[in-house]
PDB file of all heavy atoms in Angstrom:
ATOM      1  N   GLY A   1       0.832  -1.196  -0.001  1.00  0.00           N
ATOM      2  CA  GLY A   1       0.001   0.004   0.007  1.00  0.00           C
ATOM      3  C   GLY A   1       0.872   1.235   0.004  1.00  0.00           C
ATOM      4  O   GLY A   1       1.902   1.273   0.668  1.00  0.00           O
ATOM      5  N   GLY A   2       0.466   2.265  -0.741  1.00  0.00           N
ATOM      6  CA  GLY A   2       1.257   3.487  -0.803  1.00  0.00           C
ATOM      7  C   GLY A   2       0.389   4.721  -0.822  1.00  0.00           C
ATOM      8  O   GLY A   2      -0.757   4.691  -1.324  1.00  0.00           O
ATOM      9  N   VAL A   3       0.933   5.815  -0.300  1.00  0.00           N
ATOM     10  CA  VAL A   3       0.261   7.116  -0.309  1.00  0.00           C
ATOM     11  C   VAL A   3       1.275   8.166  -0.759  1.00  0.00           C
ATOM     12  O   VAL A   3       2.422   8.156  -0.327  1.00  0.00           O
ATOM     13  CB  VAL A   3      -0.256   7.487   1.107  1.00  0.00           C
ATOM     14  CG1 VAL A   3      -0.791   8.908   1.116  1.00  0.00           C
ATOM     15  CG2 VAL A   3      -1.320   6.515   1.572  1.00  0.00           C
ATOM     16  N   SER A   4       0.812   9.065  -1.659  1.00  0.00           N
ATOM     17  CA  SER A   4       1.635  10.180  -2.103  1.00  0.00           C
ATOM     18  C   SER A   4       2.939   9.665  -2.756  1.00  0.00           C
ATOM     19  O   SER A   4       2.878   8.864  -3.705  1.00  0.00           O
ATOM     20  CB  SER A   4       1.916  11.131  -0.938  1.00  0.00           C
ATOM     21  OG  SER A   4       2.410  12.366  -1.384  1.00  0.00           O
ATOM     22  N   THR A   5       4.102  10.077  -2.265  1.00  0.00           N
ATOM     23  CA  THR A   5       5.332   9.541  -2.855  1.00  0.00           C
ATOM     24  C   THR A   5       5.420   8.041  -2.653  1.00  0.00           C
ATOM     25  O   THR A   5       5.999   7.318  -3.468  1.00  0.00           O
ATOM     26  CB  THR A   5       6.572  10.254  -2.262  1.00  0.00           C
ATOM     27  OG1 THR A   5       7.708  10.027  -3.105  1.00  0.00           O
ATOM     28  CG2 THR A   5       6.898   9.789  -0.853  1.00  0.00           C
ATOM     29  N   GLY A   6       4.794   7.533  -1.567  1.00  0.00           N
ATOM     30  CA  GLY A   6       4.727   6.097  -1.364  1.00  0.00           C
ATOM     31  C   GLY A   6       3.949   5.388  -2.452  1.00  0.00           C
ATOM     32  O   GLY A   6       4.226   4.226  -2.796  1.00  0.00           O
ATOM     33  N   ALA A   7       2.939   6.076  -3.019  1.00  0.00           N
ATOM     34  CA  ALA A   7       2.182   5.509  -4.139  1.00  0.00           C
ATOM     35  C   ALA A   7       3.063   5.354  -5.370  1.00  0.00           C
ATOM     36  O   ALA A   7       2.927   4.384  -6.127  1.00  0.00           O
ATOM     37  CB  ALA A   7       0.975   6.380  -4.461  1.00  0.00           C
ATOM     38  N   LEU A   8       3.983   6.306  -5.569  1.00  0.00           N
ATOM     39  CA  LEU A   8       4.878   6.239  -6.713  1.00  0.00           C
ATOM     40  C   LEU A   8       5.905   5.110  -6.556  1.00  0.00           C
ATOM     41  O   LEU A   8       6.384   4.546  -7.532  1.00  0.00           O
ATOM     42  CB  LEU A   8       5.602   7.572  -6.911  1.00  0.00           C
ATOM     43  CG  LEU A   8       4.694   8.806  -7.084  1.00  0.00           C
ATOM     44  CD1 LEU A   8       5.527  10.062  -7.319  1.00  0.00           C
ATOM     45  CD2 LEU A   8       3.706   8.596  -8.239  1.00  0.00           C
ATOM     46  N   LEU A   9       6.222   4.771  -5.299  1.00  0.00           N
ATOM     47  CA  LEU A   9       7.136   3.662  -5.025  1.00  0.00           C
ATOM     48  C   LEU A   9       6.449   2.312  -5.117  1.00  0.00           C
ATOM     49  O   LEU A   9       7.098   1.293  -5.401  1.00  0.00           O
ATOM     50  CB  LEU A   9       7.694   3.813  -3.600  1.00  0.00           C
ATOM     51  CG  LEU A   9       8.671   4.939  -3.299  1.00  0.00           C
ATOM     52  CD1 LEU A   9       8.778   5.154  -1.785  1.00  0.00           C
ATOM     53  CD2 LEU A   9      10.050   4.603  -3.860  1.00  0.00           C
ATOM     54  N   ALA A  10       5.145   2.271  -4.877  1.00  0.00           N
ATOM     55  CA  ALA A  10       4.468   1.017  -4.549  1.00  0.00           C
ATOM     56  C   ALA A  10       4.481  -0.022  -5.676  1.00  0.00           C
ATOM     57  O   ALA A  10       4.671  -1.210  -5.405  1.00  0.00           O
ATOM     58  CB  ALA A  10       3.030   1.320  -4.133  1.00  0.00           C
ATOM     59  N   THR A  11       4.270   0.407  -6.913  1.00  0.00           N
ATOM     60  CA  THR A  11       4.176  -0.562  -8.017  1.00  0.00           C
ATOM     61  C   THR A  11       5.452  -1.373  -8.133  1.00  0.00           C
ATOM     62  O   THR A  11       5.414  -2.611  -8.178  1.00  0.00           O
ATOM     63  CB  THR A  11       3.886   0.168  -9.340  1.00  0.00           C
ATOM     64  OG1 THR A  11       2.612   0.805  -9.252  1.00  0.00           O
ATOM     65  CG2 THR A  11       3.871  -0.819 -10.501  1.00  0.00           C
ATOM     66  N   HIS A  12       6.578  -0.683  -8.178  1.00  0.00           N
ATOM     67  CA  HIS A  12       7.843  -1.390  -8.383  1.00  0.00           C
ATOM     68  C   HIS A  12       8.296  -2.096  -7.118  1.00  0.00           C
ATOM     69  O   HIS A  12       9.039  -3.088  -7.175  1.00  0.00           O
ATOM     70  CB  HIS A  12       8.901  -0.430  -8.912  1.00  0.00           C
ATOM     71  CG  HIS A  12       8.579   0.142 -10.261  1.00  0.00           C
ATOM     72  ND1 HIS A  12       8.527  -0.662 -11.399  1.00  0.00           N
ATOM     73  CD2 HIS A  12       8.221   1.380 -10.667  1.00  0.00           C
ATOM     74  CE1 HIS A  12       8.181   0.085 -12.438  1.00  0.00           C
ATOM     75  NE2 HIS A  12       7.986   1.312 -12.015  1.00  0.00           N
ATOM     76  N   ALA A  13       7.812  -1.661  -5.958  1.00  0.00           N
ATOM     77  CA  ALA A  13       8.057  -2.395  -4.725  1.00  0.00           C
ATOM     78  C   ALA A  13       7.352  -3.735  -4.750  1.00  0.00           C
ATOM     79  O   ALA A  13       7.897  -4.756  -4.313  1.00  0.00           O
ATOM     80  CB  ALA A  13       7.608  -1.591  -3.510  1.00  0.00           C
ATOM     81  N   LEU A  14       6.111  -3.764  -5.269  1.00  0.00           N
ATOM     82  CA  LEU A  14       5.383  -5.023  -5.377  1.00  0.00           C
ATOM     83  C   LEU A  14       6.066  -5.946  -6.352  1.00  0.00           C
ATOM     84  O   LEU A  14       6.236  -7.154  -6.081  1.00  0.00           O
ATOM     85  CB  LEU A  14       3.946  -4.758  -5.830  1.00  0.00           C
ATOM     86  CG  LEU A  14       3.119  -6.016  -6.071  1.00  0.00           C
ATOM     87  CD1 LEU A  14       2.563  -6.548  -4.757  1.00  0.00           C
ATOM     88  CD2 LEU A  14       1.969  -5.749  -7.048  1.00  0.00           C
ATOM     89  N   LEU A  15       6.458  -5.429  -7.517  1.00  0.00           N
ATOM     90  CA  LEU A  15       7.046  -6.273  -8.559  1.00  0.00           C
ATOM     91  C   LEU A  15       8.425  -6.809  -8.126  1.00  0.00           C
ATOM     92  O   LEU A  15       8.737  -7.964  -8.371  1.00  0.00           O
ATOM     93  CB  LEU A  15       7.116  -5.515  -9.874  1.00  0.00           C
ATOM     94  CG  LEU A  15       5.724  -5.087 -10.409  1.00  0.00           C
ATOM     95  CD1 LEU A  15       5.864  -4.240 -11.656  1.00  0.00           C
ATOM     96  CD2 LEU A  15       4.846  -6.296 -10.674  1.00  0.00           C
ATOM     97  N   GLY A  16       9.229  -5.952  -7.547  1.00  0.00           N
ATOM     98  CA  GLY A  16      10.354  -6.376  -6.743  1.00  0.00           C
ATOM     99  C   GLY A  16      11.569  -7.000  -7.401  1.00  0.00           C
ATOM    100  O   GLY A  16      12.395  -7.608  -6.717  1.00  0.00           O
ATOM    101  N   THR A  17      11.751  -6.846  -8.711  1.00  0.00           N
ATOM    102  CA  THR A  17      12.946  -7.387  -9.347  1.00  0.00           C
ATOM    103  C   THR A  17      14.082  -6.385  -9.301  1.00  0.00           C
ATOM    104  O   THR A  17      13.856  -5.175  -9.047  1.00  0.00           O
ATOM    105  CB  THR A  17      12.674  -7.740 -10.820  1.00  0.00           C
ATOM    106  OG1 THR A  17      12.453  -6.523 -11.543  1.00  0.00           O
ATOM    107  CG2 THR A  17      11.462  -8.644 -10.957  1.00  0.00           C
ATOM    108  N   PRO A  18      15.324  -6.785  -9.546  1.00  0.00           N
ATOM    109  CA  PRO A  18      16.431  -5.813  -9.626  1.00  0.00           C
ATOM    110  C   PRO A  18      16.152  -4.724 -10.662  1.00  0.00           C
ATOM    111  O   PRO A  18      16.539  -3.569 -10.463  1.00  0.00           O
ATOM    112  CB  PRO A  18      17.627  -6.692 -10.013  1.00  0.00           C
ATOM    113  CG  PRO A  18      17.328  -8.032  -9.405  1.00  0.00           C
ATOM    114  CD  PRO A  18      15.824  -8.188  -9.577  1.00  0.00           C
ATOM    115  N   ALA A  19      15.488  -5.075 -11.761  1.00  0.00           N
ATOM    116  CA  ALA A  19      15.160  -4.060 -12.763  1.00  0.00           C
ATOM    117  C   ALA A  19      14.175  -3.022 -12.210  1.00  0.00           C
ATOM    118  O   ALA A  19      14.274  -1.828 -12.504  1.00  0.00           O
ATOM    119  CB  ALA A  19      14.567  -4.725 -14.015  1.00  0.00           C
ATOM    120  N   ASP A  20      13.237  -3.478 -11.372  1.00  0.00           N
ATOM    121  CA  ASP A  20      12.303  -2.542 -10.733  1.00  0.00           C
ATOM    122  C   ASP A  20      13.037  -1.650  -9.737  1.00  0.00           C
ATOM    123  O   ASP A  20      12.737  -0.462  -9.617  1.00  0.00           O
ATOM    124  CB  ASP A  20      11.184  -3.313 -10.047  1.00  0.00           C
ATOM    125  CG  ASP A  20      10.258  -3.980 -11.020  1.00  0.00           C
ATOM    126  OD1 ASP A  20       9.563  -3.256 -11.774  1.00  0.00           O
ATOM    127  OD2 ASP A  20      10.225  -5.210 -11.060  1.00  0.00           O
ATOM    128  N   ASP A  21      13.988  -2.232  -9.025  1.00  0.00           N
ATOM    129  CA  ASP A  21      14.784  -1.423  -8.095  1.00  0.00           C
ATOM    130  C   ASP A  21      15.558  -0.358  -8.829  1.00  0.00           C
ATOM    131  O   ASP A  21      15.707   0.779  -8.347  1.00  0.00           O
ATOM    132  CB  ASP A  21      15.758  -2.320  -7.318  1.00  0.00           C
ATOM    133  CG  ASP A  21      15.051  -3.172  -6.270  1.00  0.00           C
ATOM    134  OD1 ASP A  21      13.849  -2.939  -6.020  1.00  0.00           O
ATOM    135  OD2 ASP A  21      15.696  -4.056  -5.689  1.00  0.00           O
ATOM    136  N   ALA A  22      16.088  -0.701 -10.014  1.00  0.00           N
ATOM    137  CA  ALA A  22      16.830   0.289 -10.815  1.00  0.00           C
ATOM    138  C   ALA A  22      15.931   1.445 -11.221  1.00  0.00           C
ATOM    139  O   ALA A  22      16.361   2.599 -11.269  1.00  0.00           O
ATOM    140  CB  ALA A  22      17.427  -0.391 -12.048  1.00  0.00           C
ATOM    141  N   LYS A  23      14.671   1.152 -11.498  1.00  0.00           N
ATOM    142  CA  LYS A  23      13.727   2.221 -11.841  1.00  0.00           C
ATOM    143  C   LYS A  23      13.464   3.119 -10.645  1.00  0.00           C
ATOM    144  O   LYS A  23      13.378   4.353 -10.782  1.00  0.00           O
ATOM    145  CB  LYS A  23      12.407   1.607 -12.355  1.00  0.00           C
ATOM    146  CG  LYS A  23      12.551   0.936 -13.710  1.00  0.00           C
ATOM    147  CD  LYS A  23      11.263   0.279 -14.148  1.00  0.00           C
ATOM    148  CE  LYS A  23      11.443  -0.411 -15.501  1.00  0.00           C
ATOM    149  NZ  LYS A  23      10.211  -1.127 -15.928  1.00  0.00           N
ATOM    150  N   LEU A  24      13.357   2.519  -9.453  1.00  0.00           N
ATOM    151  CA  LEU A  24      13.167   3.351  -8.253  1.00  0.00           C
ATOM    152  C   LEU A  24      14.370   4.248  -8.018  1.00  0.00           C
ATOM    153  O   LEU A  24      14.214   5.411  -7.640  1.00  0.00           O
ATOM    154  CB  LEU A  24      12.945   2.436  -7.044  1.00  0.00           C
ATOM    155  CG  LEU A  24      11.626   1.658  -6.993  1.00  0.00           C
ATOM    156  CD1 LEU A  24      11.561   0.798  -5.752  1.00  0.00           C
ATOM    157  CD2 LEU A  24      10.433   2.596  -7.057  1.00  0.00           C
ATOM    158  N   GLU A  25      15.565   3.709  -8.210  1.00  0.00           N
ATOM    159  CA  GLU A  25      16.758   4.536  -8.023  1.00  0.00           C
ATOM    160  C   GLU A  25      16.788   5.692  -9.017  1.00  0.00           C
ATOM    161  O   GLU A  25      17.116   6.818  -8.667  1.00  0.00           O
ATOM    162  CB  GLU A  25      18.024   3.675  -8.154  1.00  0.00           C
ATOM    163  CG  GLU A  25      19.297   4.474  -7.924  1.00  0.00           C
ATOM    164  CD  GLU A  25      20.543   3.621  -7.779  1.00  0.00           C
ATOM    165  OE1 GLU A  25      20.456   2.384  -7.990  1.00  0.00           O
ATOM    166  OE2 GLU A  25      21.619   4.180  -7.457  1.00  0.00           O
ATOM    167  N   GLU A  26      16.414   5.420 -10.241  1.00  0.00           N
ATOM    168  CA  GLU A  26      16.379   6.485 -11.260  1.00  0.00           C
ATOM    169  C   GLU A  26      15.331   7.550 -10.891  1.00  0.00           C
ATOM    170  O   GLU A  26      15.598   8.758 -10.984  1.00  0.00           O
ATOM    171  CB  GLU A  26      16.052   5.903 -12.633  1.00  0.00           C
ATOM    172  CG  GLU A  26      16.006   6.960 -13.746  1.00  0.00           C
ATOM    173  CD  GLU A  26      15.681   6.378 -15.096  1.00  0.00           C
ATOM    174  OE1 GLU A  26      15.647   5.129 -15.253  1.00  0.00           O
ATOM    175  OE2 GLU A  26      15.419   7.177 -16.041  1.00  0.00           O
TER     176      GLU A  26
END
């Protein structure tokens, strides 16, 4: 679950692959 900036994090946190982590870092 995410709210505000947490909502922007939430999708790739759920998917959870190293590629998703790279998107979060970017």
